[in-house]
C-alpha cells in the first residue's frame, strides 16, 4: 500500500494533488489515468477499507434489536408480540428516513469528517442498549426510543456509498460500491451470530444482555480513530441537488423504488424478523448450546443474502438486470410458497432451508435491481438525445441511486409490520406470506412489462 498522504499543506507534485490541513485533498480526478496510477488508487482503497468497516458497524447497530428482542423474555422482560415487532422494525423506519439527509452530508462536511461523526453517533444506541436491558422494569417507551436510535446505523449506508463513489473512476465504481454494500450487509449477520454467544458465554442461569450493546463500543472507537487517521476529504465532492430534483420527476425512479422495496426491503425486513420467526415457530431451535455459549442459526439468512448480492450484479451484467430481477422475483415466490406449504410439517430444518433459498433470491435480486438503475437512466439519455435538458441522464442516474436505496429501506419496516398484522388478525403468519407472494408476482410482472419489452422511451433497450 502506498504511503498515506501527508496532512501538511505541501503540494503533491507527482499526483497533481494538494493536501490541506484536515486531510482535505484538492485536485482529485479519479478519471485521470496518471493521477489514478501514481497516487489515486492507493488513496481510494485506503478510504474504501475504513468506509467498509464503519458501514459494517452501522449495519450491526441497525440490526442489534432483531436478536436482542428474542432474548428479552429470558432476561425478565414481559412484552407482547406487537411490542416486539415494533422494537424490531422501528430502527428500519428511522434508518430509511435518515438515508435522505445522510446522502448530502459528505459534500457538506467532507467524507472523512462525516465518517468520524456518523461512526461516533453509533456509540449512542450501543451504550444506551447496554444500559436499558439491565433492568426488566425499563418502561417500554424507553426501549422503543433506544431501538429507534439504532436507525443511526441504517443512515450510514447512504453517506458511505455517496462518499466512495467520488473516489473511484467510472470503470471501477461497480466493484467498489458492491464491496462497500456487501461489507455493510454482512454486519446484520455478524450481529445475529455474535450477540447470542456474547451474552451467554460464562453466564450461569442468567444473560449478560448488556454486552449486546457494550461489546461494540471498542470497535466503534477504532472506526472513529481509523477514519480520523487514514481517511480523506475531497474538495471535489459536491452534492447534486439539481440532479436529485430532476431524478424525482422521473417516473422510472418511483418504479425502481417500488422494485427495490420488494428486493432489498425483503432482505432487510426478513433478516431483522428471522430470529423472532424461529422463536415463534420453533422455540426449541431458537438457540443451540455450543461449548457453553448460545448460538442462533438466524444469522445464516442475512449472511446468505449478503453473499449472493454481488452475484446478482454479475449475472445482471451478463444476462440483463431486468431479466435477472424477474427470475429473482420468481424464485422468491417459489421459496415463500414453500415456507407456507411446509409449515404444517413442523420441521425446523425444512423451514430453515426454504428461508435460506428466499434469502439467496433476495440477495441476487438486490444486485440485479440496483444494476438496472444506471442502465435505465443511460437508456433514457439515449432516448432523449438532442433534446434540451437542464440535467444530464448520468447525473440523474447517480442521484437516483441514493434516493432509491433510501426508499427501498422502508421495506425493513413494512415486512415486520405485515407479519405483525397477520399474527394479530389471524393468529399466524400464513396470510402475510401469501401477501408477499402476491406482491412479488405483481412486481415481477411490472418489471417484465416495462423493462423486458423494447420501448421508445428507453431507446428500444432491454435493461
Protein backbone atom coordinates (compact mmCIF):
# COMPACT_ATOMS: atom_id res chain seq x y z
CA UNK A 1 0.00 0.00 0.00
CA UNK A 2 1.28 3.48 -0.81
CA UNK A 3 2.41 5.78 1.97
CA UNK A 4 -0.58 7.77 3.35
CA UNK A 5 -0.96 11.28 2.00
CA UNK A 6 0.69 13.86 4.21
CA UNK A 7 -1.58 16.17 6.17
CA UNK A 8 0.64 19.19 5.62
CA UNK A 9 -0.19 21.91 3.11
CA UNK A 10 2.70 20.88 0.83
CA UNK A 11 1.51 20.21 -2.74
CA UNK A 12 1.97 16.67 -4.02
CA UNK A 13 3.59 17.44 -7.33
CA UNK A 14 3.67 13.83 -8.51
CA UNK A 15 -0.07 13.38 -8.43
CA UNK A 16 -1.23 16.91 -9.15
CA UNK A 17 -2.87 16.90 -5.74
CA UNK A 18 -2.71 19.41 -2.94
CA UNK A 19 -3.39 18.34 0.63
CA UNK A 20 -4.56 20.93 3.12
CA UNK A 21 -4.84 20.64 6.91
CA UNK A 22 -7.71 18.43 7.99
CA UNK A 23 -6.78 15.91 5.24
CA UNK A 24 -8.58 17.89 2.54
CA UNK A 25 -7.42 16.91 -0.95
CA UNK A 26 -7.69 19.42 -3.80
CA UNK A 27 -7.46 18.49 -7.48
CA UNK A 28 -8.85 14.98 -7.18
CA UNK A 29 -9.76 13.40 -10.53
CA UNK A 30 -10.13 9.62 -10.48
CA UNK A 31 -10.66 9.60 -14.25
CA UNK A 32 -7.12 10.91 -14.83
CA UNK A 33 -5.05 7.74 -15.52
CA UNK A 34 -1.75 9.30 -14.43
CA UNK A 35 -3.15 10.54 -11.13
CA UNK A 36 -5.02 7.30 -10.51
CA UNK A 37 -1.98 5.08 -11.04
CA UNK A 38 0.52 7.28 -9.18
CA UNK A 39 -1.43 8.11 -6.01
CA UNK A 40 -5.16 7.83 -6.58
CA UNK A 41 -5.67 4.08 -6.38
CA UNK A 42 -3.86 3.74 -3.04
CA UNK A 43 -5.77 6.68 -1.57
CA UNK A 44 -9.11 5.34 -2.80
CA UNK A 45 -8.51 1.81 -1.48
CA UNK A 46 -7.44 3.13 1.91
CA UNK A 47 -10.61 5.19 2.19
CA UNK A 48 -12.72 2.27 0.98
CA UNK A 49 -11.34 -0.11 3.62
CA UNK A 50 -12.21 2.21 6.51
CA UNK A 51 -15.54 3.08 4.93
CA UNK A 52 -16.45 -0.62 4.77
CA UNK A 53 -15.52 -1.07 8.44
CA UNK A 54 -17.60 1.91 9.57
CA UNK A 55 -20.57 0.86 7.44
CA UNK A 56 -20.29 -2.71 8.71
CA UNK A 57 -20.66 -1.42 12.27
CA UNK A 58 -23.57 0.75 11.13
CA UNK A 59 -25.44 -2.38 9.98
CA UNK A 60 -24.52 -4.16 13.22
CA UNK A 61 -26.09 -1.40 15.32
CA UNK A 62 -29.03 -1.12 12.91
CA UNK A 63 -29.89 -4.81 13.37
CA UNK A 64 -28.98 -5.32 17.06
CA UNK A 65 -32.55 -5.27 18.27
CA UNK A 66 -33.53 -8.01 15.81
CA UNK A 67 -31.68 -10.51 18.01
CA UNK A 68 -31.94 -8.70 21.36
CA UNK A 69 -35.75 -8.78 21.19
CA UNK A 70 -35.91 -12.57 21.23
CA UNK A 71 -33.59 -12.62 24.27
CA UNK A 72 -35.54 -10.08 26.33
CA UNK A 73 -38.08 -12.58 27.78
CA UNK A 74 -35.20 -14.70 29.14
CA UNK A 75 -33.85 -11.55 30.82
CA UNK A 76 -37.14 -10.95 32.64
CA UNK A 77 -38.88 -8.57 30.24
CA UNK A 78 -42.59 -9.04 29.58
CA UNK A 79 -43.56 -7.83 26.12
CA UNK A 80 -46.41 -8.57 23.76
CA UNK A 81 -45.71 -9.85 20.27
CA UNK A 82 -46.78 -6.49 18.80
CA UNK A 83 -44.35 -4.65 21.08
CA UNK A 84 -41.58 -6.98 19.96
CA UNK A 85 -42.36 -6.36 16.30
CA UNK A 86 -42.17 -2.62 16.85
CA UNK A 87 -38.81 -2.89 18.60
CA UNK A 88 -37.57 -4.88 15.60
CA UNK A 89 -38.95 -2.59 12.89
CA UNK A 90 -38.64 0.95 14.28
CA UNK A 91 -34.88 1.09 13.58
CA UNK A 92 -35.56 0.35 9.90
CA UNK A 93 -38.11 3.16 9.78
CA UNK A 94 -35.64 5.65 11.26
CA UNK A 95 -32.69 4.35 9.23
CA UNK A 96 -34.55 4.60 5.94
CA UNK A 97 -35.59 8.18 6.73
CA UNK A 98 -32.07 9.20 7.73
CA UNK A 99 -30.69 7.98 4.42
CA UNK A 100 -32.10 11.06 2.70
CA UNK A 101 -30.16 13.72 4.67
CA UNK A 102 -27.13 11.44 5.08
CA UNK A 103 -26.74 11.34 1.29
CA UNK A 104 -25.82 15.03 1.26
CA UNK A 105 -23.63 15.12 4.39
CA UNK A 106 -20.45 14.03 2.61
CA UNK A 107 -20.44 17.12 0.39
CA UNK A 108 -21.37 19.35 3.34
CA UNK A 109 -18.76 18.15 5.85
CA UNK A 110 -16.30 16.01 3.87
CA UNK A 111 -16.20 12.22 3.59
CA UNK A 112 -13.60 11.74 6.33
CA UNK A 113 -15.25 14.20 8.68
CA UNK A 114 -18.73 12.77 8.24
CA UNK A 115 -17.46 9.20 8.68
CA UNK A 116 -15.96 10.29 12.01
CA UNK A 117 -19.24 11.92 13.06
CA UNK A 118 -21.59 9.18 11.84
CA UNK A 119 -19.44 6.43 13.36
CA UNK A 120 -19.22 8.26 16.68
CA UNK A 121 -23.02 8.61 16.73
CA UNK A 122 -23.24 4.81 16.84
CA UNK A 123 -21.96 4.98 20.42
CA UNK A 124 -25.33 6.41 21.49
CA UNK A 125 -27.56 3.44 20.61
CA UNK A 126 -24.87 0.91 21.57
CA UNK A 127 -24.30 2.33 25.06
CA UNK A 128 -27.98 3.03 25.72
CA UNK A 129 -28.91 -0.51 24.74
CA UNK A 130 -26.36 -1.85 27.20
CA UNK A 131 -27.94 0.28 29.93
CA UNK A 132 -31.68 -0.23 29.38
CA UNK A 133 -31.61 -4.04 29.03
CA UNK A 134 -30.15 -4.42 32.52
CA UNK A 135 -33.47 -3.57 34.19
CA UNK A 136 -36.61 -5.58 33.27
CA UNK A 137 -38.67 -2.71 34.70
CA UNK A 138 -37.46 -0.32 31.99
CA UNK A 139 -40.60 1.31 30.52
CA UNK A 140 -41.49 0.12 27.03
CA UNK A 141 -41.42 3.66 25.54
CA UNK A 142 -37.78 3.93 26.65
CA UNK A 143 -36.95 0.64 24.95
CA UNK A 144 -38.70 1.87 21.82
CA UNK A 145 -36.71 5.13 21.73
CA UNK A 146 -33.40 3.29 22.19
CA UNK A 147 -34.35 0.82 19.46
CA UNK A 148 -35.26 3.73 17.17
CA UNK A 149 -31.81 5.26 17.74
CA UNK A 150 -30.37 2.12 16.18
CA UNK A 151 -31.59 3.68 12.93
CA UNK A 152 -28.49 5.88 13.05
CA UNK A 153 -26.64 2.85 11.73
CA UNK A 154 -29.05 2.48 8.83
CA UNK A 155 -28.36 6.01 7.65
CA UNK A 156 -24.64 5.28 7.35
CA UNK A 157 -25.18 3.27 4.18
CA UNK A 158 -26.23 6.33 2.17
CA UNK A 159 -23.34 8.57 3.22
CA UNK A 160 -20.79 5.75 2.87
CA UNK A 161 -21.92 4.93 -0.67
CA UNK A 162 -22.03 8.63 -1.61
CA UNK A 163 -18.50 9.12 -0.29
CA UNK A 164 -16.93 6.12 -2.03
CA UNK A 165 -18.45 6.95 -5.41
CA UNK A 166 -16.31 10.12 -5.53
CA UNK A 167 -13.07 8.18 -5.00
CA UNK A 168 -13.24 5.68 -7.86
CA UNK A 169 -13.25 6.05 -11.66
CA UNK A 170 -16.39 5.06 -13.52
CA UNK A 171 -14.88 1.75 -14.65
CA UNK A 172 -14.27 0.64 -11.05
CA UNK A 173 -17.29 2.12 -9.27
CA UNK A 174 -19.31 -1.08 -9.54
CA UNK A 175 -16.68 -3.16 -7.79
CA UNK A 176 -16.04 -0.55 -5.09
CA UNK A 177 -19.71 0.15 -4.36
CA UNK A 178 -20.53 -3.57 -4.41
CA UNK A 179 -17.78 -4.30 -1.89
CA UNK A 180 -18.90 -1.39 0.26
CA UNK A 181 -22.52 -2.57 0.22
CA UNK A 182 -21.69 -6.23 0.87
CA UNK A 183 -19.38 -5.29 3.75
CA UNK A 184 -22.22 -3.38 5.33
CA UNK A 185 -24.90 -6.01 4.76
CA UNK A 186 -22.78 -8.69 6.45
CA UNK A 187 -22.99 -6.61 9.62
CA UNK A 188 -26.58 -7.81 10.08
CA UNK A 189 -25.41 -11.44 10.03
CA UNK A 190 -22.49 -10.82 12.37
CA UNK A 191 -24.74 -9.11 14.93
CA UNK A 192 -27.10 -12.11 14.95
CA UNK A 193 -24.18 -14.53 15.21
CA UNK A 194 -22.09 -12.82 17.87
CA UNK A 195 -24.71 -11.41 20.27
CA UNK A 196 -26.20 -14.75 21.46
CA UNK A 197 -22.68 -16.05 22.05
CA UNK A 198 -21.52 -12.92 23.88
CA UNK A 199 -24.48 -12.71 26.24
CA UNK A 200 -24.47 -16.39 27.21
CA UNK A 201 -20.81 -17.40 27.37
CA UNK A 202 -19.74 -17.59 31.00
CA UNK A 203 -23.24 -16.75 32.21
CA UNK A 204 -24.80 -19.17 34.69
CA UNK A 205 -28.59 -19.11 34.91
CA UNK A 206 -28.76 -15.59 33.50
CA UNK A 207 -27.82 -13.46 30.50
CA UNK A 208 -25.16 -10.80 30.17
CA UNK A 209 -27.55 -8.95 27.87
CA UNK A 210 -25.83 -5.60 28.41
CA UNK A 211 -22.91 -6.96 26.36
CA UNK A 212 -25.16 -6.88 23.30
CA UNK A 213 -24.56 -3.13 23.26
CA UNK A 214 -21.29 -2.61 25.13
CA UNK A 215 -19.50 -5.25 23.04
CA UNK A 216 -19.40 -2.96 20.00
CA UNK A 217 -18.13 0.18 21.73
CA UNK A 218 -14.39 -0.63 21.29
CA UNK A 219 -14.92 -1.42 17.60
CA UNK A 220 -16.80 1.83 17.07
CA UNK A 221 -13.97 3.75 18.73
CA UNK A 222 -11.47 2.02 16.42
CA UNK A 223 -13.55 3.02 13.39
CA UNK A 224 -13.66 6.64 14.56
CA UNK A 225 -9.89 6.63 15.08
CA UNK A 226 -9.29 4.95 11.71
CA UNK A 227 -11.45 7.47 9.87
CA UNK A 228 -9.62 10.35 11.62
CA UNK A 229 -6.18 8.88 10.97
CA UNK A 230 -6.44 7.41 7.48
CA UNK A 231 -9.42 8.79 5.56
CA UNK A 232 -9.56 11.94 3.43
CA UNK A 233 -11.94 14.72 2.44
CA UNK A 234 -12.28 15.56 -1.26
CA UNK A 235 -12.93 19.19 -2.11
CA UNK A 236 -14.31 18.00 -5.46
CA UNK A 237 -17.14 16.05 -3.77
CA UNK A 238 -20.24 18.15 -4.34
CA UNK A 239 -23.91 17.40 -3.76
CA UNK A 240 -26.01 17.44 -6.89
CA UNK A 241 -29.27 18.95 -5.66
CA UNK A 242 -30.32 19.74 -9.22
CA UNK A 243 -29.71 16.11 -10.20
CA UNK A 244 -31.78 14.88 -7.25
CA UNK A 245 -34.64 17.28 -8.05
CA UNK A 246 -34.62 16.18 -11.70
CA UNK A 247 -34.50 12.49 -10.74
CA UNK A 248 -37.55 12.89 -8.51
CA UNK A 249 -39.54 13.96 -11.56
CA UNK A 250 -38.56 10.82 -13.46
CA UNK A 251 -41.31 8.12 -13.34
CA UNK A 252 -38.73 5.35 -13.57
CA UNK A 253 -37.27 6.43 -10.22
CA UNK A 254 -40.55 5.62 -8.49
CA UNK A 255 -40.96 2.35 -10.35
CA UNK A 256 -37.46 1.27 -9.37
CA UNK A 257 -38.04 2.38 -5.77
CA UNK A 258 -41.05 0.07 -5.66
CA UNK A 259 -38.98 -2.80 -7.04
CA UNK A 260 -36.20 -2.11 -4.55
CA UNK A 261 -38.66 -2.18 -1.66
CA UNK A 262 -39.56 -5.66 -2.88
CA UNK A 263 -35.94 -6.81 -3.17
CA UNK A 264 -33.74 -5.04 -0.61
CA UNK A 265 -36.77 -4.36 1.61
CA UNK A 266 -37.48 -8.08 1.71
CA UNK A 267 -33.86 -8.86 2.53
CA UNK A 268 -33.50 -6.42 5.42
CA UNK A 269 -37.06 -6.99 6.62
CA UNK A 270 -36.79 -10.78 6.78
CA UNK A 271 -33.24 -10.52 8.17
CA UNK A 272 -34.48 -8.44 11.08
CA UNK A 273 -37.50 -10.61 11.81
CA UNK A 274 -35.99 -14.05 11.18
CA UNK A 275 -34.85 -14.61 14.79
CA UNK A 276 -38.39 -13.91 16.02
CA UNK A 277 -39.97 -16.14 13.38
CA UNK A 278 -37.74 -19.01 14.51
CA UNK A 279 -38.55 -18.32 18.17
CA UNK A 280 -42.30 -18.25 17.46
CA UNK A 281 -42.46 -21.31 15.20
CA UNK A 282 -39.66 -23.48 16.62
CA UNK A 283 -38.76 -22.20 20.11
CA UNK A 284 -36.68 -25.29 20.85
CA UNK A 285 -34.41 -24.36 17.92
CA UNK A 286 -34.14 -20.65 18.73
CA UNK A 287 -30.68 -21.15 20.22
CA UNK A 288 -28.27 -24.07 20.39
CA UNK A 289 -25.77 -24.53 23.20
CA UNK A 290 -22.23 -24.93 21.90
CA UNK A 291 -19.40 -25.14 24.45
CA UNK A 292 -21.49 -23.29 26.99
CA UNK A 293 -22.49 -20.48 24.65
CA UNK A 294 -25.75 -19.81 22.85
CA UNK A 295 -25.83 -19.94 19.06
CA UNK A 296 -28.70 -18.84 16.83
CA UNK A 297 -28.82 -20.01 13.23
CA UNK A 298 -30.86 -16.94 12.28
CA UNK A 299 -27.65 -15.23 11.17
CA UNK A 300 -27.46 -17.57 8.18
CA UNK A 301 -30.28 -15.70 6.45
CA UNK A 302 -28.60 -12.31 6.48
CA UNK A 303 -25.25 -13.93 5.64
CA UNK A 304 -26.57 -15.78 2.58
CA UNK A 305 -28.42 -12.70 1.36
CA UNK A 306 -25.30 -10.56 1.71
CA UNK A 307 -23.01 -13.02 -0.06
CA UNK A 308 -25.34 -13.55 -3.02
CA UNK A 309 -25.85 -9.84 -3.68
CA UNK A 310 -22.62 -9.37 -5.71
CA UNK A 311 -23.57 -12.35 -7.87
CA UNK A 312 -26.85 -10.63 -8.68
CA UNK A 313 -24.85 -7.75 -10.12
CA UNK A 314 -22.58 -10.08 -12.09
CA UNK A 315 -25.50 -12.05 -13.50
CA UNK A 316 -27.21 -8.78 -14.41
CA UNK A 317 -24.09 -7.69 -16.30
CA UNK A 318 -24.24 -10.89 -18.33
CA UNK A 319 -27.96 -11.51 -18.80
CA UNK A 320 -29.53 -8.12 -18.08
CA UNK A 321 -30.78 -6.57 -14.85
CA UNK A 322 -34.47 -6.76 -15.72
CA UNK A 323 -34.27 -10.42 -16.74
CA UNK A 324 -32.45 -11.39 -13.53
CA UNK A 325 -34.87 -9.32 -11.43
CA UNK A 326 -37.86 -11.16 -12.93
CA UNK A 327 -36.17 -14.52 -12.34
CA UNK A 328 -35.35 -13.50 -8.77
CA UNK A 329 -38.93 -12.49 -8.02
CA UNK A 330 -39.98 -15.88 -9.39
CA UNK A 331 -37.53 -17.62 -7.05
CA UNK A 332 -38.81 -15.51 -4.13
CA UNK A 333 -42.36 -16.62 -4.93
CA UNK A 334 -41.36 -20.29 -5.02
CA UNK A 335 -39.38 -20.05 -1.77
CA UNK A 336 -42.14 -18.17 0.08
CA UNK A 337 -44.78 -20.62 -1.15
CA UNK A 338 -42.56 -23.48 0.03
CA UNK A 339 -42.45 -21.90 3.50
CA UNK A 340 -46.26 -21.81 3.64
CA UNK A 341 -46.76 -25.34 2.32
CA UNK A 342 -44.16 -26.95 4.58
CA UNK A 343 -45.08 -25.20 7.84
CA UNK A 344 -47.61 -27.96 8.73
CA UNK A 345 -44.73 -30.45 8.65
CA UNK A 346 -43.33 -28.72 11.76
CA UNK A 347 -39.77 -29.33 10.53
CA UNK A 348 -37.28 -26.66 11.54
CA UNK A 349 -34.70 -27.81 9.01
CA UNK A 350 -37.13 -27.61 6.09
CA UNK A 351 -38.25 -24.19 7.37
CA UNK A 352 -34.62 -23.04 7.54
CA UNK A 353 -33.82 -24.40 4.07
CA UNK A 354 -36.82 -22.65 2.50
CA UNK A 355 -35.85 -19.35 4.09
CA UNK A 356 -32.23 -19.66 3.01
CA UNK A 357 -33.44 -20.08 -0.58
CA UNK A 358 -35.60 -16.98 -0.07
CA UNK A 359 -32.63 -15.01 1.30
CA UNK A 360 -30.47 -16.16 -1.62
CA UNK A 361 -33.09 -14.93 -4.06
CA UNK A 362 -33.39 -11.55 -2.33
CA UNK A 363 -29.61 -11.16 -2.46
CA UNK A 364 -29.48 -11.83 -6.19
CA UNK A 365 -32.49 -9.56 -6.68
CA UNK A 366 -30.77 -6.73 -4.76
CA UNK A 367 -27.74 -6.81 -7.01
CA UNK A 368 -29.76 -7.16 -10.21
CA UNK A 369 -32.26 -4.41 -9.40
CA UNK A 370 -29.55 -1.97 -8.31
CA UNK A 371 -27.71 -2.66 -11.55
CA UNK A 372 -30.83 -1.71 -13.53
CA UNK A 373 -30.85 1.88 -12.26
CA UNK A 374 -27.84 3.32 -14.16
CA UNK A 375 -28.83 1.28 -17.23
CA UNK A 376 -32.32 2.78 -17.22
CA UNK A 377 -31.10 6.34 -16.94
CA UNK A 378 -28.50 5.75 -19.65
CA UNK A 379 -31.29 4.47 -21.89
CA UNK A 380 -33.39 7.49 -21.03
CA UNK A 381 -30.47 9.71 -22.01
CA UNK A 382 -30.12 7.93 -25.34
CA UNK A 383 -33.86 8.15 -25.99
CA UNK A 384 -33.92 11.90 -25.41
CA UNK A 385 -30.62 12.70 -27.14
CA UNK A 386 -30.76 16.07 -28.86
CA UNK A 387 -33.46 17.43 -26.57
CA UNK A 388 -32.73 20.32 -24.23
CA UNK A 389 -32.20 19.16 -20.65
CA UNK A 390 -31.03 21.15 -17.64
CA UNK A 391 -29.68 17.98 -16.01
CA UNK A 392 -27.99 15.11 -17.85
CA UNK A 393 -29.08 11.46 -17.61
CA UNK A 394 -25.86 10.42 -15.83
CA UNK A 395 -26.37 12.99 -13.07
CA UNK A 396 -30.00 11.94 -12.65
CA UNK A 397 -28.97 8.30 -12.52
CA UNK A 398 -26.35 8.96 -9.84
CA UNK A 399 -28.88 10.88 -7.74
CA UNK A 400 -31.50 8.19 -8.26
CA UNK A 401 -29.22 5.52 -6.75
CA UNK A 402 -29.20 7.30 -3.40
CA UNK A 403 -32.91 8.08 -3.40
CA UNK A 404 -33.93 4.56 -4.38
CA UNK A 405 -31.67 3.00 -1.73
CA UNK A 406 -33.37 5.16 0.89
CA UNK A 407 -36.89 4.32 -0.25
CA UNK A 408 -36.07 0.61 -0.50
CA UNK A 409 -35.00 0.50 3.13
CA UNK A 410 -38.59 1.19 4.20
CA UNK A 411 -39.22 -2.47 3.36
CA UNK A 412 -37.34 -3.25 6.56
CA UNK A 413 -40.23 -1.63 8.43
CA UNK A 414 -43.04 -2.94 6.23
CA UNK A 415 -42.15 -6.65 6.32
CA UNK A 416 -42.22 -7.00 10.14
CA UNK A 417 -45.37 -4.91 10.37
CA UNK A 418 -47.19 -7.01 7.76
CA UNK A 419 -46.23 -10.14 9.70
CA UNK A 420 -47.41 -8.48 12.92
CA UNK A 421 -50.76 -7.57 11.34
CA UNK A 422 -51.20 -11.12 10.10
CA UNK A 423 -50.48 -12.56 13.52
CA UNK A 424 -52.84 -10.17 15.28
CA UNK A 425 -55.75 -10.72 12.88
CA UNK A 426 -55.40 -14.41 12.01
CA UNK A 427 -53.21 -15.85 14.77
CA UNK A 428 -50.47 -16.86 12.32
CA UNK A 429 -48.20 -15.72 9.53
CA UNK A 430 -49.69 -17.58 6.57
CA UNK A 431 -51.77 -14.62 5.38
CA UNK A 432 -48.69 -12.39 5.41
CA UNK A 433 -46.69 -14.89 3.35
CA UNK A 434 -49.48 -15.11 0.78
CA UNK A 435 -49.48 -11.32 0.69
CA UNK A 436 -45.75 -11.31 -0.03
CA UNK A 437 -46.25 -13.88 -2.80
CA UNK A 438 -48.87 -11.64 -4.40
CA UNK A 439 -46.60 -8.59 -4.12
CA UNK A 440 -43.67 -10.43 -5.70
CA UNK A 441 -45.89 -11.59 -8.57
CA UNK A 442 -47.07 -8.03 -9.23
CA UNK A 443 -43.53 -6.61 -9.04
CA UNK A 444 -42.16 -9.33 -11.31
CA UNK A 445 -44.89 -8.69 -13.87
CA UNK A 446 -44.29 -4.94 -13.63
CA UNK A 447 -40.58 -5.45 -14.31
CA UNK A 448 -41.28 -7.69 -17.30
CA UNK A 449 -43.88 -5.40 -18.88
CA UNK A 450 -41.89 -2.19 -18.51
CA UNK A 451 -38.27 -3.34 -18.89
CA UNK A 452 -38.29 -6.57 -20.91
CA UNK A 453 -40.31 -5.13 -23.79
CA UNK A 454 -38.36 -2.68 -26.00
CA UNK A 455 -39.82 0.82 -25.69
CA UNK A 456 -39.04 4.05 -27.46
CA UNK A 457 -38.85 5.87 -24.12
CA UNK A 458 -35.87 3.61 -23.28
CA UNK A 459 -34.27 3.86 -26.73
CA UNK A 460 -35.59 0.41 -27.58
CA UNK A 461 -33.29 -1.16 -24.99
CA UNK A 462 -33.97 -4.07 -22.65
CA UNK A 463 -32.21 -3.02 -19.45
